[in-house]
Amino acid sequence: MYVTDTAEIVIDASPEAIWEYVTDPVHWTASNPEEHYGLEYDTADNRPHEGATFHQAEEVAGMFADLYGRFAYIDYPSVAVWTGTAYYPLLGGIITVRIPEGGTIRLEETADGTRMSHAVWMDFPNNRRGRFLNWLFRTVLDGPSKLYDHTNKELVFFKQRLESDRLTADPAGVRASPA
């Protein structure tokens, strides 16, 4: 039983500049400091690569999770697909719920800048416990709207930071046209 959502934003920066900024784990963590507690890639340069694994400590809909994932596909600087399992400790850690999760990050050049989107999903098991957790997530925790807010907050941060940094570096605010 999937819960999905997509957030997108147009950023006045090149796909390469966005990619370099957002794949830095310090910047990703800073994009949502109330819900991100750290991100590490299992790579020598601490950056994502196809097949690389990662760990992110975070909160989704007010619930802490340890997310262990892998980049299934990367097409620099356009697409990154990740999948993983989030471990949600409940009742003080007496019970741990595992939820498969994933996402696709896309960077597409447009006439107005680069459209960055992040489509995310959670897959609650289709059994009694999974249906209960899905109901709890959707109703009591207002999970779908909080999932969107979580993802959108990241994108808004990236836009603000990249456009602010670009204007600081280029006070005229001129964006090079795509080749």
N, C-alpha and C. Protein backbone atom coordinates (compact mmCIF):
# COMPACT_ATOMS: atom_id res chain seq x y z
N MET A 1 0.84 -1.16 0.00
CA MET A 1 0.00 0.00 0.00
C MET A 1 0.89 1.23 0.00
N TYR A 2 0.96 1.85 -1.15
CA TYR A 2 1.89 2.96 -1.35
C TYR A 2 1.31 4.29 -0.90
N VAL A 3 2.18 5.09 -0.32
CA VAL A 3 1.92 6.50 -0.09
C VAL A 3 2.97 7.21 -0.93
N THR A 4 2.54 8.07 -1.83
CA THR A 4 3.48 8.75 -2.73
C THR A 4 3.21 10.25 -2.74
N ASP A 5 4.24 10.97 -3.11
CA ASP A 5 4.07 12.40 -3.32
C ASP A 5 5.26 12.91 -4.11
N THR A 6 5.06 14.05 -4.76
CA THR A 6 6.12 14.68 -5.53
C THR A 6 6.11 16.17 -5.23
N ALA A 7 7.29 16.68 -4.96
CA ALA A 7 7.48 18.12 -4.82
C ALA A 7 8.41 18.56 -5.93
N GLU A 8 8.18 19.75 -6.45
CA GLU A 8 9.08 20.27 -7.48
C GLU A 8 9.18 21.78 -7.37
N ILE A 9 10.29 22.29 -7.89
CA ILE A 9 10.56 23.72 -7.83
C ILE A 9 11.50 24.06 -8.98
N VAL A 10 11.46 25.29 -9.45
CA VAL A 10 12.40 25.75 -10.49
C VAL A 10 13.47 26.58 -9.80
N ILE A 11 14.72 26.22 -10.07
CA ILE A 11 15.87 26.89 -9.47
C ILE A 11 16.67 27.55 -10.57
N ASP A 12 17.04 28.78 -10.38
CA ASP A 12 17.83 29.52 -11.36
C ASP A 12 19.30 29.14 -11.20
N ALA A 13 19.62 27.94 -11.64
CA ALA A 13 20.99 27.41 -11.59
C ALA A 13 21.05 26.24 -12.55
N SER A 14 22.23 25.87 -12.94
CA SER A 14 22.39 24.74 -13.86
C SER A 14 22.18 23.42 -13.12
N PRO A 15 21.81 22.36 -13.85
CA PRO A 15 21.69 21.05 -13.21
C PRO A 15 22.98 20.63 -12.51
N GLU A 16 24.12 20.94 -13.11
CA GLU A 16 25.41 20.56 -12.51
C GLU A 16 25.63 21.27 -11.17
N ALA A 17 25.31 22.57 -11.13
CA ALA A 17 25.48 23.33 -9.89
C ALA A 17 24.55 22.80 -8.80
N ILE A 18 23.32 22.51 -9.18
CA ILE A 18 22.36 21.97 -8.21
C ILE A 18 22.84 20.61 -7.71
N TRP A 19 23.24 19.74 -8.63
CA TRP A 19 23.70 18.40 -8.26
C TRP A 19 24.85 18.48 -7.26
N GLU A 20 25.84 19.30 -7.58
CA GLU A 20 27.00 19.40 -6.70
C GLU A 20 26.61 19.90 -5.31
N TYR A 21 25.67 20.82 -5.25
CA TYR A 21 25.24 21.37 -3.97
C TYR A 21 24.43 20.35 -3.17
N VAL A 22 23.40 19.77 -3.79
CA VAL A 22 22.48 18.93 -3.03
C VAL A 22 23.07 17.57 -2.66
N THR A 23 24.08 17.09 -3.38
CA THR A 23 24.65 15.80 -3.03
C THR A 23 25.67 15.89 -1.91
N ASP A 24 25.97 17.09 -1.45
CA ASP A 24 26.82 17.26 -0.28
C ASP A 24 25.96 16.93 0.95
N PRO A 25 26.34 15.92 1.73
CA PRO A 25 25.50 15.52 2.86
C PRO A 25 25.29 16.63 3.89
N VAL A 26 26.23 17.55 4.00
CA VAL A 26 26.06 18.68 4.92
C VAL A 26 24.90 19.55 4.46
N HIS A 27 24.82 19.81 3.16
CA HIS A 27 23.73 20.64 2.63
C HIS A 27 22.39 19.92 2.72
N TRP A 28 22.38 18.60 2.43
CA TRP A 28 21.12 17.85 2.51
C TRP A 28 20.59 17.88 3.94
N THR A 29 21.46 17.67 4.91
CA THR A 29 21.05 17.70 6.31
C THR A 29 20.55 19.09 6.68
N ALA A 30 21.22 20.13 6.20
CA ALA A 30 20.83 21.51 6.52
C ALA A 30 19.51 21.91 5.87
N SER A 31 19.10 21.19 4.83
CA SER A 31 17.87 21.56 4.13
C SER A 31 16.62 21.39 4.98
N ASN A 32 16.71 20.63 6.03
CA ASN A 32 15.56 20.40 6.90
C ASN A 32 16.08 20.04 8.30
N PRO A 33 16.68 20.99 9.00
CA PRO A 33 17.36 20.67 10.26
C PRO A 33 16.43 20.17 11.37
N GLU A 34 15.14 20.46 11.27
CA GLU A 34 14.20 19.96 12.28
C GLU A 34 13.90 18.47 12.08
N GLU A 35 14.19 17.94 10.88
CA GLU A 35 13.84 16.54 10.60
C GLU A 35 15.00 15.72 10.04
N HIS A 36 16.12 16.33 9.72
CA HIS A 36 17.31 15.61 9.26
C HIS A 36 18.36 15.66 10.36
N TYR A 37 18.90 14.50 10.69
CA TYR A 37 19.89 14.43 11.77
C TYR A 37 21.25 13.93 11.28
N GLY A 38 21.41 13.81 9.99
CA GLY A 38 22.69 13.38 9.46
C GLY A 38 22.52 12.44 8.28
N LEU A 39 23.46 12.54 7.36
CA LEU A 39 23.47 11.71 6.15
C LEU A 39 24.90 11.35 5.85
N GLU A 40 25.13 10.08 5.59
CA GLU A 40 26.45 9.61 5.19
C GLU A 40 26.31 8.64 4.04
N TYR A 41 27.15 8.84 3.03
CA TYR A 41 27.23 7.91 1.92
C TYR A 41 28.40 6.97 2.19
N ASP A 42 28.27 5.72 1.82
CA ASP A 42 29.34 4.75 2.00
C ASP A 42 30.25 4.77 0.77
N THR A 43 30.86 5.94 0.54
CA THR A 43 31.77 6.11 -0.59
C THR A 43 32.99 6.88 -0.11
N ALA A 44 34.09 6.74 -0.82
CA ALA A 44 35.34 7.40 -0.42
C ALA A 44 35.18 8.92 -0.38
N ASP A 45 34.40 9.48 -1.31
CA ASP A 45 34.24 10.93 -1.36
C ASP A 45 32.98 11.42 -0.64
N ASN A 46 32.26 10.51 0.02
CA ASN A 46 31.03 10.83 0.75
C ASN A 46 30.01 11.53 -0.15
N ARG A 47 29.90 11.02 -1.38
CA ARG A 47 28.92 11.50 -2.36
C ARG A 47 28.21 10.29 -2.97
N PRO A 48 27.00 10.49 -3.49
CA PRO A 48 26.29 9.34 -4.06
C PRO A 48 26.86 8.91 -5.41
N HIS A 49 26.89 7.62 -5.62
CA HIS A 49 27.27 7.00 -6.88
C HIS A 49 26.33 5.81 -7.09
N GLU A 50 26.11 5.44 -8.32
CA GLU A 50 25.25 4.29 -8.60
C GLU A 50 25.76 3.07 -7.84
N GLY A 51 24.87 2.42 -7.12
CA GLY A 51 25.22 1.25 -6.32
C GLY A 51 25.67 1.57 -4.91
N ALA A 52 25.96 2.84 -4.61
CA ALA A 52 26.44 3.23 -3.28
C ALA A 52 25.30 3.15 -2.27
N THR A 53 25.67 2.86 -1.04
CA THR A 53 24.69 2.83 0.04
C THR A 53 24.81 4.10 0.88
N PHE A 54 23.79 4.35 1.67
CA PHE A 54 23.78 5.53 2.53
C PHE A 54 22.97 5.26 3.78
N HIS A 55 23.16 6.11 4.78
CA HIS A 55 22.37 6.09 6.01
C HIS A 55 21.95 7.53 6.31
N GLN A 56 20.67 7.69 6.58
CA GLN A 56 20.17 9.00 6.98
C GLN A 56 19.30 8.83 8.22
N ALA A 57 19.58 9.61 9.24
CA ALA A 57 18.71 9.67 10.41
C ALA A 57 17.78 10.85 10.18
N GLU A 58 16.47 10.61 10.36
CA GLU A 58 15.51 11.66 10.05
C GLU A 58 14.20 11.42 10.78
N GLU A 59 13.30 12.36 10.64
CA GLU A 59 11.91 12.22 11.09
C GLU A 59 11.01 12.41 9.89
N VAL A 60 9.97 11.61 9.84
CA VAL A 60 8.91 11.78 8.85
C VAL A 60 7.59 11.74 9.62
N ALA A 61 6.80 12.77 9.47
CA ALA A 61 5.50 12.90 10.15
C ALA A 61 5.67 12.76 11.67
N GLY A 62 6.77 13.31 12.18
CA GLY A 62 7.00 13.29 13.61
C GLY A 62 7.52 11.98 14.17
N MET A 63 7.85 11.04 13.29
CA MET A 63 8.36 9.74 13.73
C MET A 63 9.82 9.59 13.31
N PHE A 64 10.71 9.33 14.29
CA PHE A 64 12.11 9.13 14.01
C PHE A 64 12.31 7.86 13.19
N ALA A 65 13.29 7.91 12.26
CA ALA A 65 13.62 6.73 11.46
C ALA A 65 15.11 6.72 11.15
N ASP A 66 15.65 5.54 11.08
CA ASP A 66 16.97 5.32 10.51
C ASP A 66 16.71 4.75 9.12
N LEU A 67 17.10 5.49 8.10
CA LEU A 67 16.90 5.08 6.72
C LEU A 67 18.22 4.56 6.17
N TYR A 68 18.20 3.31 5.73
CA TYR A 68 19.36 2.70 5.09
C TYR A 68 18.97 2.46 3.64
N GLY A 69 19.73 3.05 2.72
CA GLY A 69 19.34 2.97 1.33
C GLY A 69 20.50 2.72 0.39
N ARG A 70 20.14 2.69 -0.87
CA ARG A 70 21.09 2.43 -1.95
C ARG A 70 20.65 3.23 -3.17
N PHE A 71 21.61 3.75 -3.91
CA PHE A 71 21.31 4.43 -5.16
C PHE A 71 21.25 3.39 -6.27
N ALA A 72 20.05 3.10 -6.71
CA ALA A 72 19.85 2.07 -7.73
C ALA A 72 20.25 2.56 -9.12
N TYR A 73 20.13 3.87 -9.35
CA TYR A 73 20.41 4.41 -10.67
C TYR A 73 20.82 5.87 -10.53
N ILE A 74 21.88 6.25 -11.23
CA ILE A 74 22.29 7.65 -11.28
C ILE A 74 22.68 7.98 -12.72
N ASP A 75 22.11 9.08 -13.22
CA ASP A 75 22.47 9.63 -14.52
C ASP A 75 22.84 11.09 -14.27
N TYR A 76 24.12 11.33 -13.97
CA TYR A 76 24.61 12.67 -13.65
C TYR A 76 24.45 13.58 -14.85
N PRO A 77 23.95 14.77 -14.70
CA PRO A 77 23.38 15.44 -13.54
C PRO A 77 21.86 15.49 -13.59
N SER A 78 21.24 14.46 -14.10
CA SER A 78 19.80 14.53 -14.36
C SER A 78 18.92 13.73 -13.41
N VAL A 79 19.36 12.55 -13.02
CA VAL A 79 18.47 11.64 -12.28
C VAL A 79 19.26 10.88 -11.22
N ALA A 80 18.64 10.73 -10.06
CA ALA A 80 19.13 9.83 -9.02
C ALA A 80 17.93 9.07 -8.46
N VAL A 81 18.01 7.76 -8.48
CA VAL A 81 16.94 6.91 -7.95
C VAL A 81 17.49 6.18 -6.73
N TRP A 82 16.79 6.31 -5.62
CA TRP A 82 17.22 5.63 -4.40
C TRP A 82 16.10 4.75 -3.85
N THR A 83 16.49 3.69 -3.21
CA THR A 83 15.54 2.82 -2.51
C THR A 83 16.16 2.47 -1.17
N GLY A 84 15.33 2.13 -0.23
CA GLY A 84 15.86 1.77 1.07
C GLY A 84 14.79 1.26 2.00
N THR A 85 15.19 1.06 3.22
CA THR A 85 14.28 0.64 4.28
C THR A 85 14.47 1.59 5.45
N ALA A 86 13.36 2.13 5.91
CA ALA A 86 13.38 3.00 7.09
C ALA A 86 12.96 2.16 8.29
N TYR A 87 13.71 2.29 9.35
CA TYR A 87 13.43 1.57 10.59
C TYR A 87 12.87 2.58 11.59
N TYR A 88 11.59 2.41 11.94
CA TYR A 88 10.91 3.30 12.85
C TYR A 88 10.75 2.60 14.20
N PRO A 89 11.49 3.04 15.25
CA PRO A 89 11.31 2.44 16.57
C PRO A 89 10.05 3.01 17.23
N LEU A 90 9.18 2.13 17.67
CA LEU A 90 7.94 2.55 18.33
C LEU A 90 7.95 2.07 19.77
N LEU A 91 7.17 2.71 20.60
CA LEU A 91 7.05 2.35 22.02
C LEU A 91 8.40 2.28 22.69
N GLY A 92 9.19 3.33 22.48
CA GLY A 92 10.51 3.39 23.09
C GLY A 92 11.49 2.36 22.55
N GLY A 93 11.24 1.89 21.34
CA GLY A 93 12.13 0.91 20.71
C GLY A 93 11.76 -0.53 20.97
N ILE A 94 10.67 -0.77 21.68
CA ILE A 94 10.23 -2.14 21.93
C ILE A 94 9.87 -2.83 20.62
N ILE A 95 9.25 -2.06 19.73
CA ILE A 95 8.86 -2.56 18.41
C ILE A 95 9.55 -1.69 17.37
N THR A 96 10.09 -2.30 16.34
CA THR A 96 10.65 -1.55 15.22
C THR A 96 9.88 -1.93 13.96
N VAL A 97 9.35 -0.94 13.31
CA VAL A 97 8.61 -1.15 12.08
C VAL A 97 9.54 -0.82 10.91
N ARG A 98 9.61 -1.73 9.94
CA ARG A 98 10.42 -1.51 8.74
C ARG A 98 9.49 -1.15 7.58
N ILE A 99 9.77 -0.02 6.95
CA ILE A 99 8.96 0.43 5.83
C ILE A 99 9.89 0.66 4.63
N PRO A 100 9.67 -0.06 3.52
CA PRO A 100 10.43 0.24 2.30
C PRO A 100 10.06 1.65 1.80
N GLU A 101 11.09 2.39 1.40
CA GLU A 101 10.89 3.75 0.91
C GLU A 101 11.81 3.97 -0.28
N GLY A 102 11.53 5.02 -1.02
CA GLY A 102 12.39 5.34 -2.15
C GLY A 102 12.02 6.68 -2.75
N GLY A 103 12.80 7.04 -3.76
CA GLY A 103 12.53 8.31 -4.41
C GLY A 103 13.30 8.46 -5.70
N THR A 104 12.84 9.39 -6.50
CA THR A 104 13.52 9.75 -7.74
C THR A 104 13.70 11.26 -7.75
N ILE A 105 14.94 11.67 -7.84
CA ILE A 105 15.27 13.10 -7.93
C ILE A 105 15.61 13.39 -9.39
N ARG A 106 14.94 14.39 -9.95
CA ARG A 106 15.17 14.77 -11.35
C ARG A 106 15.55 16.24 -11.44
N LEU A 107 16.48 16.52 -12.34
CA LEU A 107 16.88 17.88 -12.66
C LEU A 107 16.71 18.05 -14.17
N GLU A 108 15.78 18.93 -14.56
CA GLU A 108 15.47 19.13 -15.97
C GLU A 108 15.57 20.61 -16.31
N GLU A 109 16.41 20.94 -17.30
CA GLU A 109 16.53 22.34 -17.72
C GLU A 109 15.26 22.79 -18.42
N THR A 110 14.84 24.00 -18.08
CA THR A 110 13.68 24.63 -18.71
C THR A 110 14.10 26.04 -19.12
N ALA A 111 13.20 26.74 -19.78
CA ALA A 111 13.49 28.12 -20.17
C ALA A 111 13.65 29.03 -18.95
N ASP A 112 13.06 28.64 -17.81
CA ASP A 112 13.08 29.47 -16.61
C ASP A 112 14.15 29.07 -15.59
N GLY A 113 14.88 28.02 -15.87
CA GLY A 113 15.87 27.51 -14.92
C GLY A 113 15.86 26.00 -14.95
N THR A 114 16.20 25.39 -13.85
CA THR A 114 16.20 23.93 -13.76
C THR A 114 15.09 23.49 -12.83
N ARG A 115 14.22 22.63 -13.34
CA ARG A 115 13.14 22.07 -12.52
C ARG A 115 13.74 20.91 -11.72
N MET A 116 13.69 21.04 -10.41
CA MET A 116 14.12 19.96 -9.53
C MET A 116 12.88 19.34 -8.93
N SER A 117 12.77 18.03 -9.07
CA SER A 117 11.64 17.33 -8.47
C SER A 117 12.16 16.15 -7.66
N HIS A 118 11.40 15.82 -6.63
CA HIS A 118 11.71 14.66 -5.81
C HIS A 118 10.40 13.92 -5.57
N ALA A 119 10.25 12.80 -6.26
CA ALA A 119 9.09 11.93 -6.09
C ALA A 119 9.47 10.88 -5.05
N VAL A 120 8.72 10.81 -3.97
CA VAL A 120 9.02 9.87 -2.89
C VAL A 120 7.87 8.90 -2.68
N TRP A 121 8.18 7.74 -2.13
CA TRP A 121 7.15 6.75 -1.83
C TRP A 121 7.50 5.97 -0.57
N MET A 122 6.45 5.49 0.06
CA MET A 122 6.56 4.57 1.20
C MET A 122 5.65 3.39 0.87
N ASP A 123 6.06 2.20 1.19
CA ASP A 123 5.29 1.00 0.86
C ASP A 123 4.93 0.24 2.14
N PHE A 124 3.72 0.49 2.63
CA PHE A 124 3.25 -0.21 3.81
C PHE A 124 2.83 -1.63 3.41
N PRO A 125 3.21 -2.64 4.18
CA PRO A 125 2.86 -4.02 3.83
C PRO A 125 1.35 -4.22 3.78
N ASN A 126 0.91 -5.09 2.89
CA ASN A 126 -0.52 -5.39 2.76
C ASN A 126 -0.86 -6.57 3.67
N ASN A 127 -0.73 -6.33 4.97
CA ASN A 127 -1.15 -7.28 5.99
C ASN A 127 -1.83 -6.48 7.10
N ARG A 128 -2.30 -7.14 8.12
CA ARG A 128 -3.06 -6.46 9.16
C ARG A 128 -2.24 -5.33 9.80
N ARG A 129 -1.00 -5.61 10.14
CA ARG A 129 -0.17 -4.59 10.77
C ARG A 129 0.11 -3.44 9.80
N GLY A 130 0.42 -3.77 8.55
CA GLY A 130 0.70 -2.75 7.54
C GLY A 130 -0.51 -1.87 7.27
N ARG A 131 -1.70 -2.48 7.19
CA ARG A 131 -2.91 -1.68 6.97
C ARG A 131 -3.17 -0.75 8.15
N PHE A 132 -2.91 -1.24 9.36
CA PHE A 132 -3.08 -0.39 10.54
C PHE A 132 -2.09 0.77 10.50
N LEU A 133 -0.83 0.48 10.20
CA LEU A 133 0.19 1.53 10.15
C LEU A 133 -0.11 2.54 9.04
N ASN A 134 -0.59 2.05 7.91
CA ASN A 134 -0.97 2.94 6.81
C ASN A 134 -2.12 3.85 7.26
N TRP A 135 -3.12 3.29 7.91
CA TRP A 135 -4.23 4.10 8.41
C TRP A 135 -3.72 5.13 9.42
N LEU A 136 -2.87 4.70 10.35
CA LEU A 136 -2.30 5.59 11.36
C LEU A 136 -1.52 6.72 10.69
N PHE A 137 -0.69 6.38 9.72
CA PHE A 137 0.12 7.36 9.02
C PHE A 137 -0.77 8.37 8.29
N ARG A 138 -1.78 7.87 7.58
CA ARG A 138 -2.64 8.74 6.76
C ARG A 138 -3.58 9.61 7.59
N THR A 139 -4.10 9.08 8.69
CA THR A 139 -5.14 9.81 9.43
C THR A 139 -4.61 10.50 10.67
N VAL A 140 -4.13 9.75 11.62
CA VAL A 140 -3.71 10.31 12.90
C VAL A 140 -2.49 11.22 12.73
N LEU A 141 -1.50 10.77 11.96
CA LEU A 141 -0.26 11.54 11.81
C LEU A 141 -0.31 12.54 10.66
N ASP A 142 -1.38 12.52 9.86
CA ASP A 142 -1.48 13.39 8.68
C ASP A 142 -0.23 13.24 7.81
N GLY A 143 0.21 11.98 7.67
CA GLY A 143 1.46 11.65 7.00
C GLY A 143 1.60 12.15 5.57
N PRO A 144 0.59 11.97 4.71
CA PRO A 144 0.78 12.42 3.33
C PRO A 144 1.12 13.91 3.21
N SER A 145 0.43 14.77 3.96
CA SER A 145 0.76 16.20 3.85
C SER A 145 2.11 16.49 4.48
N LYS A 146 2.46 15.78 5.55
CA LYS A 146 3.76 15.99 6.18
C LYS A 146 4.89 15.44 5.32
N LEU A 147 4.62 14.37 4.57
CA LEU A 147 5.61 13.83 3.63
C LEU A 147 5.90 14.87 2.55
N TYR A 148 4.84 15.48 2.00
CA TYR A 148 5.02 16.54 1.00
C TYR A 148 5.78 17.72 1.60
N ASP A 149 5.35 18.17 2.80
CA ASP A 149 6.01 19.31 3.44
C ASP A 149 7.50 19.04 3.66
N HIS A 150 7.82 17.82 4.09
CA HIS A 150 9.20 17.42 4.35
C HIS A 150 10.03 17.54 3.07
N THR A 151 9.51 17.00 1.98
CA THR A 151 10.22 17.00 0.70
C THR A 151 10.28 18.41 0.11
N ASN A 152 9.18 19.13 0.16
CA ASN A 152 9.15 20.48 -0.40
C ASN A 152 10.09 21.42 0.36
N LYS A 153 10.18 21.27 1.66
CA LYS A 153 11.07 22.12 2.47
C LYS A 153 12.51 21.99 1.99
N GLU A 154 12.92 20.77 1.64
CA GLU A 154 14.27 20.55 1.12
C GLU A 154 14.47 21.35 -0.17
N LEU A 155 13.51 21.24 -1.09
CA LEU A 155 13.65 21.91 -2.38
C LEU A 155 13.66 23.43 -2.24
N VAL A 156 12.82 23.97 -1.38
CA VAL A 156 12.79 25.41 -1.16
C VAL A 156 14.13 25.88 -0.59
N PHE A 157 14.69 25.12 0.34
CA PHE A 157 16.00 25.46 0.89
C PHE A 157 17.06 25.50 -0.21
N PHE A 158 17.07 24.48 -1.08
CA PHE A 158 18.06 24.43 -2.15
C PHE A 158 17.91 25.63 -3.08
N LYS A 159 16.68 25.96 -3.43
CA LYS A 159 16.44 27.12 -4.30
C LYS A 159 16.96 28.40 -3.65
N GLN A 160 16.57 28.63 -2.40
CA GLN A 160 16.99 29.85 -1.72
C GLN A 160 18.50 29.93 -1.62
N ARG A 161 19.12 28.84 -1.23
CA ARG A 161 20.57 28.86 -1.02
C ARG A 161 21.31 29.01 -2.34
N LEU A 162 20.92 28.24 -3.36
CA LEU A 162 21.63 28.31 -4.64
C LEU A 162 21.44 29.66 -5.32
N GLU A 163 20.24 30.19 -5.31
CA GLU A 163 20.00 31.48 -5.95
C GLU A 163 20.66 32.61 -5.17
N SER A 164 20.69 32.52 -3.86
CA SER A 164 21.37 33.51 -3.04
C SER A 164 22.87 33.47 -3.28
N ASP A 165 23.44 32.25 -3.31
CA ASP A 165 24.88 32.10 -3.57
C ASP A 165 25.23 32.62 -4.96
N ARG A 166 24.38 32.36 -5.95
CA ARG A 166 24.64 32.79 -7.31
C ARG A 166 24.60 34.31 -7.41
N LEU A 167 23.63 34.92 -6.75
CA LEU A 167 23.54 36.38 -6.79
C LEU A 167 24.71 37.03 -6.06
N THR A 168 25.19 36.38 -5.02
CA THR A 168 26.36 36.90 -4.31
C THR A 168 27.59 36.84 -5.21
N ALA A 169 27.71 35.73 -5.95
CA ALA A 169 28.86 35.56 -6.85
C ALA A 169 28.72 36.41 -8.11
N ASP A 170 27.45 36.65 -8.54
CA ASP A 170 27.19 37.42 -9.76
C ASP A 170 26.13 38.47 -9.44
N PRO A 171 26.52 39.64 -8.89
CA PRO A 171 25.56 40.65 -8.48
C PRO A 171 24.61 41.09 -9.59
N ALA A 172 25.00 40.95 -10.83
CA ALA A 172 24.12 41.35 -11.94
C ALA A 172 22.97 40.36 -12.09
N GLY A 173 23.12 39.16 -11.49
CA GLY A 173 22.05 38.18 -11.54
C GLY A 173 21.84 37.57 -12.91
N VAL A 174 22.85 37.57 -13.74
CA VAL A 174 22.71 37.06 -15.10
C VAL A 174 22.95 35.56 -15.11
N ARG A 175 22.01 34.83 -15.65
CA ARG A 175 22.14 33.39 -15.77
C ARG A 175 22.59 33.08 -17.17
N ALA A 176 23.61 32.26 -17.28
CA ALA A 176 24.08 31.86 -18.61
C ALA A 176 23.00 31.04 -19.28
N SER A 177 22.75 31.32 -20.54
CA SER A 177 21.73 30.56 -21.25
C SER A 177 22.28 29.17 -21.56
N PRO A 178 21.36 28.14 -21.56
CA PRO A 178 21.80 26.78 -21.84
C PRO A 178 22.35 26.67 -23.25
N ALA A 179 23.34 25.83 -23.41
CA ALA A 179 23.96 25.63 -24.74
C ALA A 179 23.09 24.79 -25.62
